Amino acid sequence: FAGAKDFDKKNNYKTTSMLVIPMNNRDGELVGVIQLINKIKNDEVI
């Protein structure tokens, strides 16, 4: 996660939790990826 850590350092951010899911069309071909970063509940990253 060197890239994420470098981004965090440059932008005063902290990437903690991450969920990444591929998006496949009806033919099973990859057409994209969904990436979610830092789920927050009650002002806390979970």
PDB file of all heavy atoms in Angstrom:
ATOM      1  N   PHE A   1       0.814  -1.210   0.000  1.00  0.00           N
ATOM      2  CA  PHE A   1       0.000   0.000   0.000  1.00  0.00           C
ATOM      3  C   PHE A   1       0.851   1.264   0.000  1.00  0.00           C
ATOM      4  O   PHE A   1       0.456   2.303   0.527  1.00  0.00           O
ATOM      5  CB  PHE A   1      -0.954   0.011   1.202  1.00  0.00           C
ATOM      6  CG  PHE A   1      -2.091  -0.939   1.053  1.00  0.00           C
ATOM      7  CD1 PHE A   1      -2.151  -2.093   1.812  1.00  0.00           C
ATOM      8  CD2 PHE A   1      -3.095  -0.699   0.139  1.00  0.00           C
ATOM      9  CE1 PHE A   1      -3.207  -2.973   1.688  1.00  0.00           C
ATOM     10  CE2 PHE A   1      -4.161  -1.572  -0.005  1.00  0.00           C
ATOM     11  CZ  PHE A   1      -4.212  -2.716   0.772  1.00  0.00           C
ATOM     12  N   ALA A   2       2.025   1.196  -0.618  1.00  0.00           N
ATOM     13  CA  ALA A   2       2.912   2.361  -0.664  1.00  0.00           C
ATOM     14  C   ALA A   2       2.225   3.548  -1.331  1.00  0.00           C
ATOM     15  O   ALA A   2       2.373   4.686  -0.893  1.00  0.00           O
ATOM     16  CB  ALA A   2       4.210   2.020  -1.393  1.00  0.00           C
ATOM     17  N   GLY A   3       1.455   3.300  -2.382  1.00  0.00           N
ATOM     18  CA  GLY A   3       0.757   4.382  -3.085  1.00  0.00           C
ATOM     19  C   GLY A   3      -0.269   5.062  -2.198  1.00  0.00           C
ATOM     20  O   GLY A   3      -0.354   6.290  -2.158  1.00  0.00           O
ATOM     21  N   ALA A   4      -1.049   4.274  -1.479  1.00  0.00           N
ATOM     22  CA  ALA A   4      -2.055   4.840  -0.573  1.00  0.00           C
ATOM     23  C   ALA A   4      -1.392   5.617   0.561  1.00  0.00           C
ATOM     24  O   ALA A   4      -1.835   6.713   0.928  1.00  0.00           O
ATOM     25  CB  ALA A   4      -2.940   3.734  -0.003  1.00  0.00           C
ATOM     26  N   LYS A   5      -0.309   5.061   1.084  1.00  0.00           N
ATOM     27  CA  LYS A   5       0.394   5.738   2.178  1.00  0.00           C
ATOM     28  C   LYS A   5       1.024   7.041   1.703  1.00  0.00           C
ATOM     29  O   LYS A   5       1.019   8.035   2.421  1.00  0.00           O
ATOM     30  CB  LYS A   5       1.446   4.807   2.785  1.00  0.00           C
ATOM     31  CG  LYS A   5       0.822   3.625   3.515  1.00  0.00           C
ATOM     32  CD  LYS A   5       1.874   2.631   3.971  1.00  0.00           C
ATOM     33  CE  LYS A   5       1.249   1.422   4.625  1.00  0.00           C
ATOM     34  NZ  LYS A   5       2.241   0.428   5.037  1.00  0.00           N
ATOM     35  N   ASP A   6       1.553   7.039   0.484  1.00  0.00           N
ATOM     36  CA  ASP A   6       2.126   8.260  -0.090  1.00  0.00           C
ATOM     37  C   ASP A   6       1.030   9.308  -0.295  1.00  0.00           C
ATOM     38  O   ASP A   6       1.214  10.481   0.027  1.00  0.00           O
ATOM     39  CB  ASP A   6       2.818   7.942  -1.416  1.00  0.00           C
ATOM     40  CG  ASP A   6       3.558   9.129  -1.988  1.00  0.00           C
ATOM     41  OD1 ASP A   6       4.306   9.789  -1.230  1.00  0.00           O
ATOM     42  OD2 ASP A   6       3.404   9.391  -3.201  1.00  0.00           O
ATOM     43  N   PHE A   7      -0.120   8.887  -0.821  1.00  0.00           N
ATOM     44  CA  PHE A   7      -1.258   9.794  -0.988  1.00  0.00           C
ATOM     45  C   PHE A   7      -1.667  10.385   0.356  1.00  0.00           C
ATOM     46  O   PHE A   7      -1.897  11.594   0.481  1.00  0.00           O
ATOM     47  CB  PHE A   7      -2.448   9.061  -1.610  1.00  0.00           C
ATOM     48  CG  PHE A   7      -3.690   9.899  -1.694  1.00  0.00           C
ATOM     49  CD1 PHE A   7      -3.925  10.693  -2.797  1.00  0.00           C
ATOM     50  CD2 PHE A   7      -4.620   9.903  -0.658  1.00  0.00           C
ATOM     51  CE1 PHE A   7      -5.066  11.491  -2.878  1.00  0.00           C
ATOM     52  CE2 PHE A   7      -5.751  10.687  -0.720  1.00  0.00           C
ATOM     53  CZ  PHE A   7      -5.977  11.482  -1.837  1.00  0.00           C
ATOM     54  N   ASP A   8      -1.771   9.518   1.375  1.00  0.00           N
ATOM     55  CA  ASP A   8      -2.159   9.969   2.714  1.00  0.00           C
ATOM     56  C   ASP A   8      -1.210  11.043   3.228  1.00  0.00           C
ATOM     57  O   ASP A   8      -1.645  12.081   3.747  1.00  0.00           O
ATOM     58  CB  ASP A   8      -2.165   8.793   3.694  1.00  0.00           C
ATOM     59  CG  ASP A   8      -3.322   7.837   3.473  1.00  0.00           C
ATOM     60  OD1 ASP A   8      -4.188   8.109   2.601  1.00  0.00           O
ATOM     61  OD2 ASP A   8      -3.357   6.805   4.166  1.00  0.00           O
ATOM     62  N   LYS A   9       0.070  10.799   3.082  1.00  0.00           N
ATOM     63  CA  LYS A   9       1.086  11.734   3.576  1.00  0.00           C
ATOM     64  C   LYS A   9       0.977  13.084   2.874  1.00  0.00           C
ATOM     65  O   LYS A   9       1.020  14.134   3.513  1.00  0.00           O
ATOM     66  CB  LYS A   9       2.484  11.142   3.371  1.00  0.00           C
ATOM     67  CG  LYS A   9       3.594  11.933   3.987  1.00  0.00           C
ATOM     68  CD  LYS A   9       4.922  11.201   3.829  1.00  0.00           C
ATOM     69  CE  LYS A   9       6.043  11.989   4.474  1.00  0.00           C
ATOM     70  NZ  LYS A   9       7.325  11.281   4.354  1.00  0.00           N
ATOM     71  N   LYS A  10       0.795  13.065   1.556  1.00  0.00           N
ATOM     72  CA  LYS A  10       0.713  14.300   0.780  1.00  0.00           C
ATOM     73  C   LYS A  10      -0.576  15.077   1.036  1.00  0.00           C
ATOM     74  O   LYS A  10      -0.622  16.288   0.852  1.00  0.00           O
ATOM     75  CB  LYS A  10       0.822  14.002  -0.710  1.00  0.00           C
ATOM     76  CG  LYS A  10       2.194  13.568  -1.141  1.00  0.00           C
ATOM     77  CD  LYS A  10       2.227  13.242  -2.617  1.00  0.00           C
ATOM     78  CE  LYS A  10       3.602  12.750  -3.038  1.00  0.00           C
ATOM     79  NZ  LYS A  10       3.623  12.345  -4.452  1.00  0.00           N
ATOM     80  N   ASN A  11      -1.637  14.371   1.446  1.00  0.00           N
ATOM     81  CA  ASN A  11      -2.944  15.001   1.571  1.00  0.00           C
ATOM     82  C   ASN A  11      -3.485  15.038   2.994  1.00  0.00           C
ATOM     83  O   ASN A  11      -4.669  15.304   3.194  1.00  0.00           O
ATOM     84  CB  ASN A  11      -3.937  14.281   0.657  1.00  0.00           C
ATOM     85  CG  ASN A  11      -3.586  14.470  -0.796  1.00  0.00           C
ATOM     86  OD1 ASN A  11      -3.825  15.524  -1.356  1.00  0.00           O
ATOM     87  ND2 ASN A  11      -2.970  13.463  -1.403  1.00  0.00           N
ATOM     88  N   ASN A  12      -2.626  14.750   3.966  1.00  0.00           N
ATOM     89  CA  ASN A  12      -3.038  14.771   5.373  1.00  0.00           C
ATOM     90  C   ASN A  12      -4.292  13.916   5.579  1.00  0.00           C
ATOM     91  O   ASN A  12      -5.302  14.367   6.109  1.00  0.00           O
ATOM     92  CB  ASN A  12      -3.265  16.203   5.852  1.00  0.00           C
ATOM     93  CG  ASN A  12      -3.335  16.271   7.360  1.00  0.00           C
ATOM     94  OD1 ASN A  12      -2.718  15.487   8.065  1.00  0.00           O
ATOM     95  ND2 ASN A  12      -4.098  17.230   7.858  1.00  0.00           N
ATOM     96  N   TYR A  13      -4.210  12.680   5.123  1.00  0.00           N
ATOM     97  CA  TYR A  13      -5.339  11.750   5.176  1.00  0.00           C
ATOM     98  C   TYR A  13      -4.845  10.442   5.773  1.00  0.00           C
ATOM     99  O   TYR A  13      -3.640  10.213   5.875  1.00  0.00           O
ATOM    100  CB  TYR A  13      -5.859  11.509   3.744  1.00  0.00           C
ATOM    101  CG  TYR A  13      -7.181  10.797   3.676  1.00  0.00           C
ATOM    102  CD1 TYR A  13      -8.363  11.441   3.989  1.00  0.00           C
ATOM    103  CD2 TYR A  13      -7.243   9.457   3.288  1.00  0.00           C
ATOM    104  CE1 TYR A  13      -9.584  10.782   3.918  1.00  0.00           C
ATOM    105  CE2 TYR A  13      -8.459   8.794   3.216  1.00  0.00           C
ATOM    106  CZ  TYR A  13      -9.620   9.463   3.534  1.00  0.00           C
ATOM    107  OH  TYR A  13     -10.824   8.810   3.460  1.00  0.00           O
ATOM    108  N   LYS A  14      -5.752   9.566   6.176  1.00  0.00           N
ATOM    109  CA  LYS A  14      -5.350   8.231   6.631  1.00  0.00           C
ATOM    110  C   LYS A  14      -6.327   7.199   6.095  1.00  0.00           C
ATOM    111  O   LYS A  14      -7.462   7.107   6.527  1.00  0.00           O
ATOM    112  CB  LYS A  14      -5.288   8.134   8.144  1.00  0.00           C
ATOM    113  CG  LYS A  14      -4.777   6.749   8.544  1.00  0.00           C
ATOM    114  CD  LYS A  14      -4.336   6.643   9.968  1.00  0.00           C
ATOM    115  CE  LYS A  14      -3.687   5.290  10.166  1.00  0.00           C
ATOM    116  NZ  LYS A  14      -4.198   4.549  11.260  1.00  0.00           N
ATOM    117  N   THR A  15      -5.860   6.457   5.120  1.00  0.00           N
ATOM    118  CA  THR A  15      -6.632   5.348   4.583  1.00  0.00           C
ATOM    119  C   THR A  15      -6.563   4.213   5.586  1.00  0.00           C
ATOM    120  O   THR A  15      -5.482   3.803   5.989  1.00  0.00           O
ATOM    121  CB  THR A  15      -6.045   4.893   3.234  1.00  0.00           C
ATOM    122  OG1 THR A  15      -6.046   6.000   2.334  1.00  0.00           O
ATOM    123  CG2 THR A  15      -6.849   3.751   2.650  1.00  0.00           C
ATOM    124  N   THR A  16      -7.722   3.726   6.003  1.00  0.00           N
ATOM    125  CA  THR A  16      -7.744   2.632   6.974  1.00  0.00           C
ATOM    126  C   THR A  16      -8.438   1.418   6.371  1.00  0.00           C
ATOM    127  O   THR A  16      -7.798   0.484   5.934  1.00  0.00           O
ATOM    128  CB  THR A  16      -8.413   3.072   8.286  1.00  0.00           C
ATOM    129  OG1 THR A  16      -7.732   4.214   8.793  1.00  0.00           O
ATOM    130  CG2 THR A  16      -8.360   1.974   9.336  1.00  0.00           C
ATOM    131  N   SER A  17      -9.757   1.434   6.332  1.00  0.00           N
ATOM    132  CA  SER A  17     -10.480   0.288   5.774  1.00  0.00           C
ATOM    133  C   SER A  17     -10.704   0.478   4.277  1.00  0.00           C
ATOM    134  O   SER A  17     -10.817   1.600   3.781  1.00  0.00           O
ATOM    135  CB  SER A  17     -11.813   0.092   6.500  1.00  0.00           C
ATOM    136  OG  SER A  17     -12.639   1.229   6.395  1.00  0.00           O
ATOM    137  N   MET A  18     -10.738  -0.656   3.561  1.00  0.00           N
ATOM    138  CA  MET A  18     -10.879  -0.592   2.112  1.00  0.00           C
ATOM    139  C   MET A  18     -11.665  -1.813   1.630  1.00  0.00           C
ATOM    140  O   MET A  18     -11.448  -2.929   2.092  1.00  0.00           O
ATOM    141  CB  MET A  18      -9.495  -0.577   1.463  1.00  0.00           C
ATOM    142  CG  MET A  18      -9.503  -0.382  -0.030  1.00  0.00           C
ATOM    143  SD  MET A  18      -7.831  -0.387  -0.745  1.00  0.00           S
ATOM    144  CE  MET A  18      -7.126   1.094  -0.020  1.00  0.00           C
ATOM    145  N   LEU A  19     -12.593  -1.564   0.702  1.00  0.00           N
ATOM    146  CA  LEU A  19     -13.356  -2.627   0.067  1.00  0.00           C
ATOM    147  C   LEU A  19     -13.277  -2.405  -1.436  1.00  0.00           C
ATOM    148  O   LEU A  19     -13.615  -1.330  -1.928  1.00  0.00           O
ATOM    149  CB  LEU A  19     -14.816  -2.600   0.539  1.00  0.00           C
ATOM    150  CG  LEU A  19     -15.778  -3.612  -0.066  1.00  0.00           C
ATOM    151  CD1 LEU A  19     -15.324  -5.040   0.231  1.00  0.00           C
ATOM    152  CD2 LEU A  19     -17.183  -3.385   0.474  1.00  0.00           C
ATOM    153  N   VAL A  20     -12.788  -3.405  -2.170  1.00  0.00           N
ATOM    154  CA  VAL A  20     -12.603  -3.294  -3.616  1.00  0.00           C
ATOM    155  C   VAL A  20     -13.319  -4.470  -4.277  1.00  0.00           C
ATOM    156  O   VAL A  20     -13.081  -5.624  -3.920  1.00  0.00           O
ATOM    157  CB  VAL A  20     -11.109  -3.305  -4.000  1.00  0.00           C
ATOM    158  CG1 VAL A  20     -10.935  -2.992  -5.473  1.00  0.00           C
ATOM    159  CG2 VAL A  20     -10.322  -2.315  -3.147  1.00  0.00           C
ATOM    160  N   ILE A  21     -14.202  -4.140  -5.238  1.00  0.00           N
ATOM    161  CA  ILE A  21     -15.027  -5.154  -5.876  1.00  0.00           C
ATOM    162  C   ILE A  21     -14.982  -4.997  -7.387  1.00  0.00           C
ATOM    163  O   ILE A  21     -15.220  -3.906  -7.908  1.00  0.00           O
ATOM    164  CB  ILE A  21     -16.475  -5.064  -5.370  1.00  0.00           C
ATOM    165  CG1 ILE A  21     -16.505  -5.360  -3.869  1.00  0.00           C
ATOM    166  CG2 ILE A  21     -17.395  -5.999  -6.133  1.00  0.00           C
ATOM    167  CD1 ILE A  21     -17.846  -5.215  -3.222  1.00  0.00           C
ATOM    168  N   PRO A  22     -14.687  -6.086  -8.112  1.00  0.00           N
ATOM    169  CA  PRO A  22     -14.695  -6.010  -9.579  1.00  0.00           C
ATOM    170  C   PRO A  22     -16.128  -5.918 -10.104  1.00  0.00           C
ATOM    171  O   PRO A  22     -17.056  -6.453  -9.502  1.00  0.00           O
ATOM    172  CB  PRO A  22     -14.035  -7.319 -10.012  1.00  0.00           C
ATOM    173  CG  PRO A  22     -14.257  -8.258  -8.879  1.00  0.00           C
ATOM    174  CD  PRO A  22     -14.322  -7.418  -7.641  1.00  0.00           C
ATOM    175  N   MET A  23     -16.293  -5.242 -11.227  1.00  0.00           N
ATOM    176  CA  MET A  23     -17.585  -5.124 -11.897  1.00  0.00           C
ATOM    177  C   MET A  23     -17.507  -5.901 -13.211  1.00  0.00           C
ATOM    178  O   MET A  23     -16.698  -5.568 -14.071  1.00  0.00           O
ATOM    179  CB  MET A  23     -17.916  -3.660 -12.181  1.00  0.00           C
ATOM    180  CG  MET A  23     -18.075  -2.816 -10.949  1.00  0.00           C
ATOM    181  SD  MET A  23     -18.185  -1.041 -11.311  1.00  0.00           S
ATOM    182  CE  MET A  23     -19.475  -0.965 -12.519  1.00  0.00           C
ATOM    183  N   ASN A  24     -18.340  -6.922 -13.354  1.00  0.00           N
ATOM    184  CA  ASN A  24     -18.351  -7.756 -14.552  1.00  0.00           C
ATOM    185  C   ASN A  24     -19.676  -7.611 -15.284  1.00  0.00           C
ATOM    186  O   ASN A  24     -20.734  -7.576 -14.652  1.00  0.00           O
ATOM    187  CB  ASN A  24     -18.133  -9.223 -14.186  1.00  0.00           C
ATOM    188  CG  ASN A  24     -16.785  -9.444 -13.550  1.00  0.00           C
ATOM    189  OD1 ASN A  24     -15.765  -9.156 -14.152  1.00  0.00           O
ATOM    190  ND2 ASN A  24     -16.773  -9.925 -12.326  1.00  0.00           N
ATOM    191  N   ASN A  25     -19.607  -7.557 -16.611  1.00  0.00           N
ATOM    192  CA  ASN A  25     -20.834  -7.467 -17.395  1.00  0.00           C
ATOM    193  C   ASN A  25     -21.463  -8.859 -17.537  1.00  0.00           C
ATOM    194  O   ASN A  25     -20.973  -9.833 -16.965  1.00  0.00           O
ATOM    195  CB  ASN A  25     -20.583  -6.810 -18.755  1.00  0.00           C
ATOM    196  CG  ASN A  25     -19.684  -7.625 -19.660  1.00  0.00           C
ATOM    197  OD1 ASN A  25     -19.457  -8.811 -19.443  1.00  0.00           O
ATOM    198  ND2 ASN A  25     -19.166  -6.993 -20.699  1.00  0.00           N
ATOM    199  N   ARG A  26     -22.524  -8.960 -18.337  1.00  0.00           N
ATOM    200  CA  ARG A  26     -23.245 -10.238 -18.488  1.00  0.00           C
ATOM    201  C   ARG A  26     -22.384 -11.338 -19.086  1.00  0.00           C
ATOM    202  O   ARG A  26     -22.644 -12.519 -18.881  1.00  0.00           O
ATOM    203  CB  ARG A  26     -24.480 -10.022 -19.354  1.00  0.00           C
ATOM    204  CG  ARG A  26     -25.498  -9.178 -18.670  1.00  0.00           C
ATOM    205  CD  ARG A  26     -26.693  -8.938 -19.515  1.00  0.00           C
ATOM    206  NE  ARG A  26     -27.517  -7.959 -18.785  1.00  0.00           N
ATOM    207  CZ  ARG A  26     -28.513  -7.323 -19.283  1.00  0.00           C
ATOM    208  NH1 ARG A  26     -28.875  -7.533 -20.526  1.00  0.00           N
ATOM    209  NH2 ARG A  26     -29.192  -6.466 -18.556  1.00  0.00           N
ATOM    210  N   ASP A  27     -21.363 -10.939 -19.831  1.00  0.00           N
ATOM    211  CA  ASP A  27     -20.461 -11.916 -20.443  1.00  0.00           C
ATOM    212  C   ASP A  27     -19.301 -12.285 -19.527  1.00  0.00           C
ATOM    213  O   ASP A  27     -18.397 -13.023 -19.921  1.00  0.00           O
ATOM    214  CB  ASP A  27     -19.920 -11.369 -21.769  1.00  0.00           C
ATOM    215  CG  ASP A  27     -21.028 -11.138 -22.785  1.00  0.00           C
ATOM    216  OD1 ASP A  27     -21.991 -11.936 -22.804  1.00  0.00           O
ATOM    217  OD2 ASP A  27     -20.935 -10.158 -23.546  1.00  0.00           O
ATOM    218  N   GLY A  28     -19.302 -11.745 -18.320  1.00  0.00           N
ATOM    219  CA  GLY A  28     -18.238 -12.023 -17.367  1.00  0.00           C
ATOM    220  C   GLY A  28     -16.980 -11.202 -17.583  1.00  0.00           C
ATOM    221  O   GLY A  28     -15.958 -11.452 -16.951  1.00  0.00           O
ATOM    222  N   GLU A  29     -17.049 -10.215 -18.481  1.00  0.00           N
ATOM    223  CA  GLU A  29     -15.882  -9.367 -18.752  1.00  0.00           C
ATOM    224  C   GLU A  29     -15.788  -8.249 -17.715  1.00  0.00           C
ATOM    225  O   GLU A  29     -16.786  -7.636 -17.363  1.00  0.00           O
ATOM    226  CB  GLU A  29     -16.010  -8.733 -20.141  1.00  0.00           C
ATOM    227  CG  GLU A  29     -16.070  -9.733 -21.261  1.00  0.00           C
ATOM    228  CD  GLU A  29     -16.467  -9.086 -22.579  1.00  0.00           C
ATOM    229  OE1 GLU A  29     -17.322  -8.187 -22.599  1.00  0.00           O
ATOM    230  OE2 GLU A  29     -15.895  -9.517 -23.596  1.00  0.00           O
ATOM    231  N   LEU A  30     -14.589  -8.005 -17.265  1.00  0.00           N
ATOM    232  CA  LEU A  30     -14.352  -6.931 -16.310  1.00  0.00           C
ATOM    233  C   LEU A  30     -14.554  -5.581 -16.999  1.00  0.00           C
ATOM    234  O   LEU A  30     -13.944  -5.310 -18.032  1.00  0.00           O
ATOM    235  CB  LEU A  30     -12.925  -7.013 -15.760  1.00  0.00           C
ATOM    236  CG  LEU A  30     -12.570  -5.962 -14.717  1.00  0.00           C
ATOM    237  CD1 LEU A  30     -13.273  -6.258 -13.402  1.00  0.00           C
ATOM    238  CD2 LEU A  30     -11.073  -5.914 -14.523  1.00  0.00           C
ATOM    239  N   VAL A  31     -15.436  -4.755 -16.444  1.00  0.00           N
ATOM    240  CA  VAL A  31     -15.685  -3.436 -17.025  1.00  0.00           C
ATOM    241  C   VAL A  31     -15.336  -2.306 -16.060  1.00  0.00           C
ATOM    242  O   VAL A  31     -15.385  -1.129 -16.424  1.00  0.00           O
ATOM    243  CB  VAL A  31     -17.156  -3.281 -17.501  1.00  0.00           C
ATOM    244  CG1 VAL A  31     -17.439  -4.251 -18.638  1.00  0.00           C
ATOM    245  CG2 VAL A  31     -18.130  -3.478 -16.357  1.00  0.00           C
ATOM    246  N   GLY A  32     -14.966  -2.648 -14.844  1.00  0.00           N
ATOM    247  CA  GLY A  32     -14.602  -1.623 -13.880  1.00  0.00           C
ATOM    248  C   GLY A  32     -14.372  -2.214 -12.508  1.00  0.00           C
ATOM    249  O   GLY A  32     -14.488  -3.428 -12.303  1.00  0.00           O
ATOM    250  N   VAL A  33     -14.057  -1.348 -11.571  1.00  0.00           N
ATOM    251  CA  VAL A  33     -13.812  -1.738 -10.184  1.00  0.00           C
ATOM    252  C   VAL A  33     -14.418  -0.672  -9.283  1.00  0.00           C
ATOM    253  O   VAL A  33     -14.306   0.525  -9.564  1.00  0.00           O
ATOM    254  CB  VAL A  33     -12.294  -1.865  -9.898  1.00  0.00           C
ATOM    255  CG1 VAL A  33     -12.023  -2.131  -8.436  1.00  0.00           C
ATOM    256  CG2 VAL A  33     -11.675  -2.954 -10.750  1.00  0.00           C
ATOM    257  N   ILE A  34     -15.058  -1.099  -8.220  1.00  0.00           N
ATOM    258  CA  ILE A  34     -15.553  -0.174  -7.199  1.00  0.00           C
ATOM    259  C   ILE A  34     -14.590  -0.256  -6.024  1.00  0.00           C
ATOM    260  O   ILE A  34     -14.283  -1.350  -5.539  1.00  0.00           O
ATOM    261  CB  ILE A  34     -16.968  -0.549  -6.722  1.00  0.00           C
ATOM    262  CG1 ILE A  34     -17.965  -0.450  -7.871  1.00  0.00           C
ATOM    263  CG2 ILE A  34     -17.389   0.344  -5.557  1.00  0.00           C
ATOM    264  CD1 ILE A  34     -19.354  -0.951  -7.518  1.00  0.00           C
ATOM    265  N   GLN A  35     -14.110   0.903  -5.584  1.00  0.00           N
ATOM    266  CA  GLN A  35     -13.224   0.937  -4.418  1.00  0.00           C
ATOM    267  C   GLN A  35     -13.818   1.894  -3.397  1.00  0.00           C
ATOM    268  O   GLN A  35     -14.026   3.074  -3.681  1.00  0.00           O
ATOM    269  CB  GLN A  35     -11.826   1.402  -4.802  1.00  0.00           C
ATOM    270  CG  GLN A  35     -10.870   1.419  -3.627  1.00  0.00           C
ATOM    271  CD  GLN A  35      -9.473   1.882  -4.016  1.00  0.00           C
ATOM    272  OE1 GLN A  35      -9.312   2.715  -4.889  1.00  0.00           O
ATOM    273  NE2 GLN A  35      -8.474   1.322  -3.359  1.00  0.00           N
ATOM    274  N   LEU A  36     -14.095   1.365  -2.225  1.00  0.00           N
ATOM    275  CA  LEU A  36     -14.599   2.177  -1.117  1.00  0.00           C
ATOM    276  C   LEU A  36     -13.511   2.272  -0.059  1.00  0.00           C
ATOM    277  O   LEU A  36     -12.854   1.271   0.252  1.00  0.00           O
ATOM    278  CB  LEU A  36     -15.856   1.552  -0.517  1.00  0.00           C
ATOM    279  CG  LEU A  36     -17.008   1.305  -1.480  1.00  0.00           C
ATOM    280  CD1 LEU A  36     -18.157   0.596  -0.769  1.00  0.00           C
ATOM    281  CD2 LEU A  36     -17.484   2.603  -2.087  1.00  0.00           C
ATOM    282  N   ILE A  37     -13.345   3.457   0.484  1.00  0.00           N
ATOM    283  CA  ILE A  37     -12.299   3.679   1.483  1.00  0.00           C
ATOM    284  C   ILE A  37     -12.906   4.315   2.723  1.00  0.00           C
ATOM    285  O   ILE A  37     -13.679   5.263   2.638  1.00  0.00           O
ATOM    286  CB  ILE A  37     -11.188   4.593   0.913  1.00  0.00           C
ATOM    287  CG1 ILE A  37     -10.520   3.902  -0.275  1.00  0.00           C
ATOM    288  CG2 ILE A  37     -10.160   4.956   1.977  1.00  0.00           C
ATOM    289  CD1 ILE A  37      -9.528   4.769  -1.013  1.00  0.00           C
ATOM    290  N   ASN A  38     -12.553   3.781   3.867  1.00  0.00           N
ATOM    291  CA  ASN A  38     -12.905   4.311   5.174  1.00  0.00           C
ATOM    292  C   ASN A  38     -14.406   4.369   5.452  1.00  0.00           C
ATOM    293  O   ASN A  38     -15.044   5.410   5.380  1.00  0.00           O
ATOM    294  CB  ASN A  38     -12.284   5.690   5.398  1.00  0.00           C
ATOM    295  CG  ASN A  38     -10.797   5.637   5.585  1.00  0.00           C
ATOM    296  OD1 ASN A  38     -10.210   4.562   5.696  1.00  0.00           O
ATOM    297  ND2 ASN A  38     -10.154   6.781   5.607  1.00  0.00           N
ATOM    298  N   LYS A  39     -14.956   3.219   5.801  1.00  0.00           N
ATOM    299  CA  LYS A  39     -16.343   3.185   6.267  1.00  0.00           C
ATOM    300  C   LYS A  39     -16.395   3.928   7.597  1.00  0.00           C
ATOM    301  O   LYS A  39     -15.570   3.685   8.492  1.00  0.00           O
ATOM    302  CB  LYS A  39     -16.794   1.736   6.451  1.00  0.00           C
ATOM    303  CG  LYS A  39     -18.213   1.636   6.966  1.00  0.00           C
ATOM    304  CD  LYS A  39     -18.654   0.202   7.115  1.00  0.00           C
ATOM    305  CE  LYS A  39     -20.057   0.161   7.681  1.00  0.00           C
ATOM    306  NZ  LYS A  39     -20.551  -1.204   7.839  1.00  0.00           N
ATOM    307  N   ILE A  40     -17.354   4.820   7.728  1.00  0.00           N
ATOM    308  CA  ILE A  40     -17.438   5.641   8.933  1.00  0.00           C
ATOM    309  C   ILE A  40     -18.765   5.404   9.641  1.00  0.00           C
ATOM    310  O   ILE A  40     -19.827   5.390   9.026  1.00  0.00           O
ATOM    311  CB  ILE A  40     -17.283   7.134   8.598  1.00  0.00           C
ATOM    312  CG1 ILE A  40     -15.893   7.380   8.008  1.00  0.00           C
ATOM    313  CG2 ILE A  40     -17.507   8.002   9.834  1.00  0.00           C
ATOM    314  CD1 ILE A  40     -15.652   8.797   7.545  1.00  0.00           C
ATOM    315  N   LYS A  41     -18.680   5.214  10.948  1.00  0.00           N
ATOM    316  CA  LYS A  41     -19.851   5.084  11.808  1.00  0.00           C
ATOM    317  C   LYS A  41     -19.567   5.851  13.082  1.00  0.00           C
ATOM    318  O   LYS A  41     -18.536   5.636  13.721  1.00  0.00           O
ATOM    319  CB  LYS A  41     -20.134   3.617  12.118  1.00  0.00           C
ATOM    320  CG  LYS A  41     -21.379   3.406  12.947  1.00  0.00           C
ATOM    321  CD  LYS A  41     -21.667   1.940  13.141  1.00  0.00           C
ATOM    322  CE  LYS A  41     -22.935   1.770  13.938  1.00  0.00           C
ATOM    323  NZ  LYS A  41     -23.269   0.346  14.123  1.00  0.00           N
ATOM    324  N   ASN A  42     -20.461   6.764  13.418  1.00  0.00           N
ATOM    325  CA  ASN A  42     -20.291   7.591  14.622  1.00  0.00           C
ATOM    326  C   ASN A  42     -18.933   8.291  14.639  1.00  0.00           C
ATOM    327  O   ASN A  42     -18.227   8.281  15.642  1.00  0.00           O
ATOM    328  CB  ASN A  42     -20.479   6.758  15.894  1.00  0.00           C
ATOM    329  CG  ASN A  42     -21.856   6.150  15.988  1.00  0.00           C
ATOM    330  OD1 ASN A  42     -22.842   6.745  15.556  1.00  0.00           O
ATOM    331  ND2 ASN A  42     -21.937   4.959  16.527  1.00  0.00           N
ATOM    332  N   ASP A  43     -18.564   8.873  13.505  1.00  0.00           N
ATOM    333  CA  ASP A  43     -17.309   9.620  13.354  1.00  0.00           C
ATOM    334  C   ASP A  43     -16.054   8.775  13.558  1.00  0.00           C
ATOM    335  O   ASP A  43     -14.982   9.300  13.830  1.00  0.00           O
ATOM    336  CB  ASP A  43     -17.270  10.834  14.302  1.00  0.00           C
ATOM    337  CG  ASP A  43     -18.320  11.869  13.966  1.00  0.00           C
ATOM    338  OD1 ASP A  43     -18.640  12.012  12.768  1.00  0.00           O
ATOM    339  OD2 ASP A  43     -18.818  12.529  14.886  1.00  0.00           O
ATOM    340  N   GLU A  44     -16.183   7.465  13.449  1.00  0.00           N
ATOM    341  CA  GLU A  44     -15.033   6.573  13.610  1.00  0.00           C
ATOM    342  C   GLU A  44     -14.924   5.671  12.377  1.00  0.00           C
ATOM    343  O   GLU A  44     -15.923   5.155  11.882  1.00  0.00           O
ATOM    344  CB  GLU A  44     -15.231   5.710  14.863  1.00  0.00           C
ATOM    345  CG  GLU A  44     -14.102   4.767  15.139  1.00  0.00           C
ATOM    346  CD  GLU A  44     -14.360   3.937  16.403  1.00  0.00           C
ATOM    347  OE1 GLU A  44     -15.113   4.372  17.280  1.00  0.00           O
ATOM    348  OE2 GLU A  44     -13.800   2.832  16.468  1.00  0.00           O
ATOM    349  N   VAL A  45     -13.717   5.472  11.887  1.00  0.00           N
ATOM    350  CA  VAL A  45     -13.496   4.570  10.755  1.00  0.00           C
ATOM    351  C   VAL A  45     -13.566   3.137  11.262  1.00  0.00           C
ATOM    352  O   VAL A  45     -12.896   2.776  12.228  1.00  0.00           O
ATOM    353  CB  VAL A  45     -12.135   4.829  10.075  1.00  0.00           C
ATOM    354  CG1 VAL A  45     -11.893   3.820   8.963  1.00  0.00           C
ATOM    355  CG2 VAL A  45     -12.067   6.247   9.527  1.00  0.00           C
ATOM    356  N   ILE A  46     -14.415   2.340  10.603  1.00  0.00           N
ATOM    357  CA  ILE A  46     -14.584   0.939  10.988  1.00  0.00           C
ATOM    358  C   ILE A  46     -14.367   0.043   9.762  1.00  0.00           C
ATOM    359  O   ILE A  46     -14.284   0.521   8.630  1.00  0.00           O
ATOM    360  CB  ILE A  46     -15.971   0.684  11.610  1.00  0.00           C
ATOM    361  CG1 ILE A  46     -17.083   0.994  10.600  1.00  0.00           C
ATOM    362  CG2 ILE A  46     -16.142   1.492  12.892  1.00  0.00           C
ATOM    363  CD1 ILE A  46     -18.482   0.598  11.068  1.00  0.00           C
TER     364      ILE A  46
END
